[in-house]
Amino acid sequence: MLKRLTGYGLRWSPNRRVTVIAIGLACLLSLAAATAFLTGRDNRPAATPVPAPAHSYAAPTGQPSSGSAPVAGPPRISDPMEFAKAAAKMLWSYDTRTTSQAQQLAGMRAWMTKEDEYGDWASVSAQIPDPVLWSRMADQEQHATATVTEGHYPAAFKQALAEDPAAITKAYIYAVTVTGKQKITWAKGGTGAEDRSVTLAVQCRPSTDCSLVAIAPRVAP
């Protein structure tokens, strides 16, 4: 029997949503634009046939796997759009057969900005289940691959940037919405697929590789 779980990462209180905006996006958007970002969320983890989905890593395009590490490091690129696509693919891909929950978290953590005043690790780490649930998924040999369809800057972000172009220079944090598809496979030939969409806040300072800031609230497309 198939079970769908869509609650991971969505259990934020209103105050938590405000905090994410303040930390992740306020440095580049005006107050009005930040308010627009609080219109909702569509960043749920994928459906899964066993009790919960998880999100581990499939190496992004252009970035080879880092040796024997279960989760490869982020691509060394300075383009916000391309980095967001790679990060989304990372979040939508996993393999419980070869990666523990702790290894998954460590690999995801490497994608985060080192500027703690902006990073919201909780919004990213919430995308995978707890160790017990991860273990149950491993019992079913559950793993997933992802493909990215497209990425774009949300309308609210582009409008705010047009109204105050200099705002981006405060922290160089960009909002990018990425869409794609996730394919889940489990024991005895079970498979499933789901369309995915997530809005990410990524930091790309000049002459510096991009990093992940947060999984942001949904914004206008």
C-alpha atoms as a PDB file:
ATOM      1  CA  MET A   1       0.000   0.000   0.000  1.00  0.00           C
ATOM      2  CA  LEU A   2       1.340   3.354  -0.992  1.00  0.00           C
ATOM      3  CA  LYS A   3       1.537   6.092   1.587  1.00  0.00           C
ATOM      4  CA  ARG A   4       2.123   9.757   0.860  1.00  0.00           C
ATOM      5  CA  LEU A   5       3.813  12.080   3.316  1.00  0.00           C
ATOM      6  CA  THR A   6       4.060  15.750   2.485  1.00  0.00           C
ATOM      7  CA  GLY A   7       4.666  17.312   5.875  1.00  0.00           C
ATOM      8  CA  TYR A   8       8.456  17.419   6.187  1.00  0.00           C
ATOM      9  CA  GLY A   9       9.756  20.963   6.338  1.00  0.00           C
ATOM     10  CA  LEU A  10       6.275  22.475   6.439  1.00  0.00           C
ATOM     11  CA  ARG A  11       5.672  22.552  10.187  1.00  0.00           C
ATOM     12  CA  TRP A  12       6.724  26.143  10.619  1.00  0.00           C
ATOM     13  CA  SER A  13       4.738  28.521  12.751  1.00  0.00           C
ATOM     14  CA  PRO A  14       3.920  31.959  11.295  1.00  0.00           C
ATOM     15  CA  ASN A  15       6.775  33.349  13.363  1.00  0.00           C
ATOM     16  CA  ARG A  16       9.148  30.803  11.822  1.00  0.00           C
ATOM     17  CA  ARG A  17       8.160  31.899   8.312  1.00  0.00           C
ATOM     18  CA  VAL A  18       8.835  35.494   9.218  1.00  0.00           C
ATOM     19  CA  THR A  19      12.236  34.509  10.576  1.00  0.00           C
ATOM     20  CA  VAL A  20      13.162  32.747   7.343  1.00  0.00           C
ATOM     21  CA  ILE A  21      12.301  35.813   5.320  1.00  0.00           C
ATOM     22  CA  ALA A  22      14.125  38.131   7.676  1.00  0.00           C
ATOM     23  CA  ILE A  23      17.251  35.998   7.688  1.00  0.00           C
ATOM     24  CA  GLY A  24      17.289  34.646   4.166  1.00  0.00           C
ATOM     25  CA  LEU A  25      15.823  37.345   1.990  1.00  0.00           C
ATOM     26  CA  ALA A  26      15.391  40.626   3.831  1.00  0.00           C
ATOM     27  CA  CYS A  27      18.882  41.731   2.999  1.00  0.00           C
ATOM     28  CA  LEU A  28      18.053  41.904  -0.678  1.00  0.00           C
ATOM     29  CA  LEU A  29      14.380  42.736  -0.779  1.00  0.00           C
ATOM     30  CA  SER A  30      12.368  45.656   0.473  1.00  0.00           C
ATOM     31  CA  LEU A  31       9.856  45.085   3.265  1.00  0.00           C
ATOM     32  CA  ALA A  32       7.010  45.025   0.784  1.00  0.00           C
ATOM     33  CA  ALA A  33       8.702  42.352  -1.313  1.00  0.00           C
ATOM     34  CA  ALA A  34       9.469  40.277   1.751  1.00  0.00           C
ATOM     35  CA  THR A  35       5.803  40.366   2.673  1.00  0.00           C
ATOM     36  CA  ALA A  36       4.968  39.044  -0.773  1.00  0.00           C
ATOM     37  CA  PHE A  37       7.186  36.069  -0.076  1.00  0.00           C
ATOM     38  CA  LEU A  38       4.857  35.015   2.745  1.00  0.00           C
ATOM     39  CA  THR A  39       2.060  33.943   0.416  1.00  0.00           C
ATOM     40  CA  GLY A  40       2.544  30.261   1.069  1.00  0.00           C
ATOM     41  CA  ARG A  41       4.841  27.284   0.429  1.00  0.00           C
ATOM     42  CA  ASP A  42       5.134  24.560  -2.144  1.00  0.00           C
ATOM     43  CA  ASN A  43       8.379  23.037  -1.003  1.00  0.00           C
ATOM     44  CA  ARG A  44       7.180  19.731   0.325  1.00  0.00           C
ATOM     45  CA  PRO A  45       9.271  16.576   0.121  1.00  0.00           C
ATOM     46  CA  ALA A  46       8.272  14.026  -2.465  1.00  0.00           C
ATOM     47  CA  ALA A  47       5.649  11.349  -2.146  1.00  0.00           C
ATOM     48  CA  THR A  48       6.997   7.966  -1.130  1.00  0.00           C
ATOM     49  CA  PRO A  49       5.654   4.419  -1.004  1.00  0.00           C
ATOM     50  CA  VAL A  50       7.060   3.735   2.457  1.00  0.00           C
ATOM     51  CA  PRO A  51       6.350   5.734   5.601  1.00  0.00           C
ATOM     52  CA  ALA A  52       8.350   8.834   4.648  1.00  0.00           C
ATOM     53  CA  PRO A  53      10.405  10.383   1.899  1.00  0.00           C
ATOM     54  CA  ALA A  54      13.966  11.468   2.295  1.00  0.00           C
ATOM     55  CA  HIS A  55      16.215  13.637   0.297  1.00  0.00           C
ATOM     56  CA  SER A  56      19.742  12.643  -0.291  1.00  0.00           C
ATOM     57  CA  TYR A  57      22.073  13.488  -3.026  1.00  0.00           C
ATOM     58  CA  ALA A  58      22.612  12.870  -6.705  1.00  0.00           C
ATOM     59  CA  ALA A  59      25.705  14.703  -7.949  1.00  0.00           C
ATOM     60  CA  PRO A  60      24.737  17.887  -9.825  1.00  0.00           C
ATOM     61  CA  THR A  61      25.586  18.400 -13.454  1.00  0.00           C
ATOM     62  CA  GLY A  62      29.180  19.499 -13.848  1.00  0.00           C
ATOM     63  CA  GLN A  63      30.279  18.392 -10.370  1.00  0.00           C
ATOM     64  CA  PRO A  64      31.900  14.977  -9.935  1.00  0.00           C
ATOM     65  CA  SER A  65      31.341  12.892  -6.846  1.00  0.00           C
ATOM     66  CA  SER A  66      33.844  13.716  -4.113  1.00  0.00           C
ATOM     67  CA  GLY A  67      35.663  10.410  -3.794  1.00  0.00           C
ATOM     68  CA  SER A  68      33.957   7.930  -1.518  1.00  0.00           C
ATOM     69  CA  ALA A  69      31.776  10.510   0.238  1.00  0.00           C
ATOM     70  CA  PRO A  70      28.076   9.505   0.256  1.00  0.00           C
ATOM     71  CA  VAL A  71      27.085  13.039  -0.720  1.00  0.00           C
ATOM     72  CA  ALA A  72      29.147  15.011  -3.205  1.00  0.00           C
ATOM     73  CA  GLY A  73      29.991  18.626  -2.544  1.00  0.00           C
ATOM     74  CA  PRO A  74      28.221  21.556  -4.195  1.00  0.00           C
ATOM     75  CA  PRO A  75      29.265  22.684  -7.674  1.00  0.00           C
ATOM     76  CA  ARG A  76      31.807  25.492  -7.726  1.00  0.00           C
ATOM     77  CA  ILE A  77      29.807  27.966  -9.777  1.00  0.00           C
ATOM     78  CA  SER A  78      28.820  31.603  -9.346  1.00  0.00           C
ATOM     79  CA  ASP A  79      25.549  31.569 -11.300  1.00  0.00           C
ATOM     80  CA  PRO A  80      22.517  31.681  -8.944  1.00  0.00           C
ATOM     81  CA  MET A  81      20.209  29.929 -11.401  1.00  0.00           C
ATOM     82  CA  GLU A  82      22.530  27.024 -12.125  1.00  0.00           C
ATOM     83  CA  PHE A  83      23.437  26.606  -8.470  1.00  0.00           C
ATOM     84  CA  ALA A  84      19.762  26.540  -7.462  1.00  0.00           C
ATOM     85  CA  LYS A  85      19.066  23.851 -10.055  1.00  0.00           C
ATOM     86  CA  ALA A  86      21.911  21.734  -8.699  1.00  0.00           C
ATOM     87  CA  ALA A  87      20.730  22.265  -5.113  1.00  0.00           C
ATOM     88  CA  ALA A  88      17.161  21.278  -5.980  1.00  0.00           C
ATOM     89  CA  LYS A  89      18.399  18.095  -7.621  1.00  0.00           C
ATOM     90  CA  MET A  90      20.415  17.343  -4.497  1.00  0.00           C
ATOM     91  CA  LEU A  91      17.366  17.810  -2.279  1.00  0.00           C
ATOM     92  CA  TRP A  92      15.189  15.579  -4.448  1.00  0.00           C
ATOM     93  CA  SER A  93      17.676  12.694  -4.752  1.00  0.00           C
ATOM     94  CA  TYR A  94      18.701  10.103  -2.184  1.00  0.00           C
ATOM     95  CA  ASP A  95      19.786   6.495  -1.659  1.00  0.00           C
ATOM     96  CA  THR A  96      19.092   4.916   1.707  1.00  0.00           C
ATOM     97  CA  ARG A  97      20.918   1.769   0.561  1.00  0.00           C
ATOM     98  CA  THR A  98      24.307   3.465   0.750  1.00  0.00           C
ATOM     99  CA  THR A  99      23.831   6.617   2.833  1.00  0.00           C
ATOM    100  CA  SER A 100      22.944   6.944   6.501  1.00  0.00           C
ATOM    101  CA  GLN A 101      20.747   9.754   7.770  1.00  0.00           C
ATOM    102  CA  ALA A 102      23.740  11.345   9.515  1.00  0.00           C
ATOM    103  CA  GLN A 103      25.808  11.177   6.334  1.00  0.00           C
ATOM    104  CA  GLN A 104      22.944  12.735   4.416  1.00  0.00           C
ATOM    105  CA  LEU A 105      22.743  15.662   6.805  1.00  0.00           C
ATOM    106  CA  ALA A 106      26.497  16.183   6.710  1.00  0.00           C
ATOM    107  CA  GLY A 107      26.483  16.215   2.929  1.00  0.00           C
ATOM    108  CA  MET A 108      23.618  18.677   2.748  1.00  0.00           C
ATOM    109  CA  ARG A 109      25.281  20.910   5.344  1.00  0.00           C
ATOM    110  CA  ALA A 110      28.257  21.377   3.030  1.00  0.00           C
ATOM    111  CA  TRP A 111      26.002  23.250   0.592  1.00  0.00           C
ATOM    112  CA  MET A 112      25.084  25.911   3.151  1.00  0.00           C
ATOM    113  CA  THR A 113      26.372  29.468   3.356  1.00  0.00           C
ATOM    114  CA  LYS A 114      29.077  30.022   5.948  1.00  0.00           C
ATOM    115  CA  GLU A 115      27.463  33.360   6.860  1.00  0.00           C
ATOM    116  CA  ASP A 116      25.381  32.200   9.801  1.00  0.00           C
ATOM    117  CA  GLU A 117      23.388  35.411  10.030  1.00  0.00           C
ATOM    118  CA  TYR A 118      21.700  34.499   6.731  1.00  0.00           C
ATOM    119  CA  GLY A 119      21.646  30.714   6.619  1.00  0.00           C
ATOM    120  CA  ASP A 120      18.560  28.791   7.716  1.00  0.00           C
ATOM    121  CA  TRP A 121      19.835  25.244   8.153  1.00  0.00           C
ATOM    122  CA  ALA A 122      16.611  24.154   9.848  1.00  0.00           C
ATOM    123  CA  SER A 123      14.583  24.723   6.675  1.00  0.00           C
ATOM    124  CA  VAL A 124      16.988  22.516   4.710  1.00  0.00           C
ATOM    125  CA  SER A 125      17.603  19.745   7.248  1.00  0.00           C
ATOM    126  CA  ALA A 126      13.842  19.402   7.770  1.00  0.00           C
ATOM    127  CA  GLN A 127      13.627  17.919   4.280  1.00  0.00           C
ATOM    128  CA  ILE A 128      14.734  14.486   5.483  1.00  0.00           C
ATOM    129  CA  PRO A 129      13.090  12.297   8.137  1.00  0.00           C
ATOM    130  CA  ASP A 130      14.514  11.283  11.493  1.00  0.00           C
ATOM    131  CA  PRO A 131      16.993   8.384  11.799  1.00  0.00           C
ATOM    132  CA  VAL A 132      14.314   5.824  12.688  1.00  0.00           C
ATOM    133  CA  LEU A 133      12.210   6.613   9.654  1.00  0.00           C
ATOM    134  CA  TRP A 134      15.293   6.724   7.453  1.00  0.00           C
ATOM    135  CA  SER A 135      16.145   3.223   8.685  1.00  0.00           C
ATOM    136  CA  ARG A 136      12.685   1.963   7.770  1.00  0.00           C
ATOM    137  CA  MET A 137      13.149   3.378   4.286  1.00  0.00           C
ATOM    138  CA  ALA A 138      16.522   1.632   4.066  1.00  0.00           C
ATOM    139  CA  ASP A 139      14.784  -1.637   4.906  1.00  0.00           C
ATOM    140  CA  GLN A 140      12.777  -1.087   1.727  1.00  0.00           C
ATOM    141  CA  GLU A 141      15.927  -0.145  -0.245  1.00  0.00           C
ATOM    142  CA  GLN A 142      14.306   3.150  -1.123  1.00  0.00           C
ATOM    143  CA  HIS A 143      16.186   5.540  -3.382  1.00  0.00           C
ATOM    144  CA  ALA A 144      15.321   8.386  -5.715  1.00  0.00           C
ATOM    145  CA  THR A 145      16.704  10.236  -8.690  1.00  0.00           C
ATOM    146  CA  ALA A 146      15.691  13.665  -9.927  1.00  0.00           C
ATOM    147  CA  THR A 147      15.674  15.657 -13.121  1.00  0.00           C
ATOM    148  CA  VAL A 148      15.378  19.433 -13.294  1.00  0.00           C
ATOM    149  CA  THR A 149      12.987  20.918 -15.842  1.00  0.00           C
ATOM    150  CA  GLU A 150      13.644  24.625 -15.421  1.00  0.00           C
ATOM    151  CA  GLY A 151      14.525  27.429 -13.042  1.00  0.00           C
ATOM    152  CA  HIS A 152      13.411  31.049 -12.898  1.00  0.00           C
ATOM    153  CA  TYR A 153      13.471  34.113 -10.689  1.00  0.00           C
ATOM    154  CA  PRO A 154      10.035  34.574  -9.092  1.00  0.00           C
ATOM    155  CA  ALA A 155       8.010  37.614 -10.064  1.00  0.00           C
ATOM    156  CA  ALA A 156       8.104  39.088  -6.545  1.00  0.00           C
ATOM    157  CA  PHE A 157      11.890  38.877  -6.477  1.00  0.00           C
ATOM    158  CA  LYS A 158      12.288  40.469  -9.905  1.00  0.00           C
ATOM    159  CA  GLN A 159       9.884  43.273  -8.999  1.00  0.00           C
ATOM    160  CA  ALA A 160      11.675  44.023  -5.729  1.00  0.00           C
ATOM    161  CA  LEU A 161      15.026  44.004  -7.501  1.00  0.00           C
ATOM    162  CA  ALA A 162      13.738  46.380 -10.169  1.00  0.00           C
ATOM    163  CA  GLU A 163      12.451  48.770  -7.506  1.00  0.00           C
ATOM    164  CA  ASP A 164      15.716  48.747  -5.546  1.00  0.00           C
ATOM    165  CA  PRO A 165      18.613  47.311  -7.599  1.00  0.00           C
ATOM    166  CA  ALA A 166      21.176  48.204  -4.941  1.00  0.00           C
ATOM    167  CA  ALA A 167      19.452  46.023  -2.334  1.00  0.00           C
ATOM    168  CA  ILE A 168      21.016  42.870  -3.758  1.00  0.00           C
ATOM    169  CA  THR A 169      24.491  44.118  -2.835  1.00  0.00           C
ATOM    170  CA  LYS A 170      23.768  43.855   0.899  1.00  0.00           C
ATOM    171  CA  ALA A 171      24.021  40.060   0.946  1.00  0.00           C
ATOM    172  CA  TYR A 172      23.800  38.910  -2.701  1.00  0.00           C
ATOM    173  CA  ILE A 173      20.972  36.520  -1.918  1.00  0.00           C
ATOM    174  CA  TYR A 174      18.774  35.463  -4.826  1.00  0.00           C
ATOM    175  CA  ALA A 175      15.394  33.718  -4.858  1.00  0.00           C
ATOM    176  CA  VAL A 176      15.127  31.004  -7.514  1.00  0.00           C
ATOM    177  CA  THR A 177      12.186  28.693  -8.182  1.00  0.00           C
ATOM    178  CA  VAL A 178      13.115  25.307  -9.635  1.00  0.00           C
ATOM    179  CA  THR A 179      10.767  22.699 -11.070  1.00  0.00           C
ATOM    180  CA  GLY A 180      11.464  19.104 -12.008  1.00  0.00           C
ATOM    181  CA  LYS A 181      10.505  15.479 -11.501  1.00  0.00           C
ATOM    182  CA  GLN A 182      11.495  12.897  -8.928  1.00  0.00           C
ATOM    183  CA  LYS A 183      11.502   9.136  -9.502  1.00  0.00           C
ATOM    184  CA  ILE A 184      11.380   6.903  -6.435  1.00  0.00           C
ATOM    185  CA  THR A 185      12.348   3.219  -6.479  1.00  0.00           C
ATOM    186  CA  TRP A 186      12.007   0.652  -3.710  1.00  0.00           C
ATOM    187  CA  ALA A 187      12.351  -3.078  -3.122  1.00  0.00           C
ATOM    188  CA  LYS A 188      10.827  -5.685  -5.445  1.00  0.00           C
ATOM    189  CA  GLY A 189      10.638  -3.354  -8.410  1.00  0.00           C
ATOM    190  CA  GLY A 190       8.374  -0.704  -6.931  1.00  0.00           C
ATOM    191  CA  THR A 191       8.531   2.713  -8.575  1.00  0.00           C
ATOM    192  CA  GLY A 192       6.752   6.049  -8.428  1.00  0.00           C
ATOM    193  CA  ALA A 193       7.223   9.544  -9.822  1.00  0.00           C
ATOM    194  CA  GLU A 194       6.159  13.041  -8.852  1.00  0.00           C
ATOM    195  CA  ASP A 195       6.497  16.565 -10.203  1.00  0.00           C
ATOM    196  CA  ARG A 196       8.444  18.792  -7.849  1.00  0.00           C
ATOM    197  CA  SER A 197       8.821  22.535  -7.261  1.00  0.00           C
ATOM    198  CA  VAL A 198      10.870  24.450  -4.703  1.00  0.00           C
ATOM    199  CA  THR A 199      11.926  28.047  -4.155  1.00  0.00           C
ATOM    200  CA  LEU A 200      15.457  28.385  -2.844  1.00  0.00           C
ATOM    201  CA  ALA A 201      17.384  31.319  -1.448  1.00  0.00           C
ATOM    202  CA  VAL A 202      20.979  31.137  -2.672  1.00  0.00           C
ATOM    203  CA  GLN A 203      23.910  33.418  -1.945  1.00  0.00           C
ATOM    204  CA  CYS A 204      26.310  34.292  -4.767  1.00  0.00           C
ATOM    205  CA  ARG A 205      28.714  37.043  -3.811  1.00  0.00           C
ATOM    206  CA  PRO A 206      30.927  38.428  -6.610  1.00  0.00           C
ATOM    207  CA  SER A 207      33.964  36.261  -7.377  1.00  0.00           C
ATOM    208  CA  THR A 208      32.727  33.655  -4.885  1.00  0.00           C
ATOM    209  CA  ASP A 209      31.090  30.277  -5.365  1.00  0.00           C
ATOM    210  CA  CYS A 210      27.363  30.164  -4.614  1.00  0.00           C
ATOM    211  CA  SER A 211      25.944  28.556  -1.491  1.00  0.00           C
ATOM    212  CA  LEU A 212      22.514  27.612  -0.190  1.00  0.00           C
ATOM    213  CA  VAL A 213      20.780  29.936   2.262  1.00  0.00           C
ATOM    214  CA  ALA A 214      17.334  28.460   2.820  1.00  0.00           C
ATOM    215  CA  ILE A 215      14.295  26.803   1.385  1.00  0.00           C
ATOM    216  CA  ALA A 216      12.114  29.864   0.941  1.00  0.00           C
ATOM    217  CA  PRO A 217       8.364  30.326   1.064  1.00  0.00           C
ATOM    218  CA  ARG A 218       6.532  30.098  -2.244  1.00  0.00           C
ATOM    219  CA  VAL A 219       6.397  33.255  -4.285  1.00  0.00           C
ATOM    220  CA  ALA A 220       4.520  34.324  -7.386  1.00  0.00           C
ATOM    221  CA  PRO A 221       5.849  32.465 -10.445  1.00  0.00           C
END
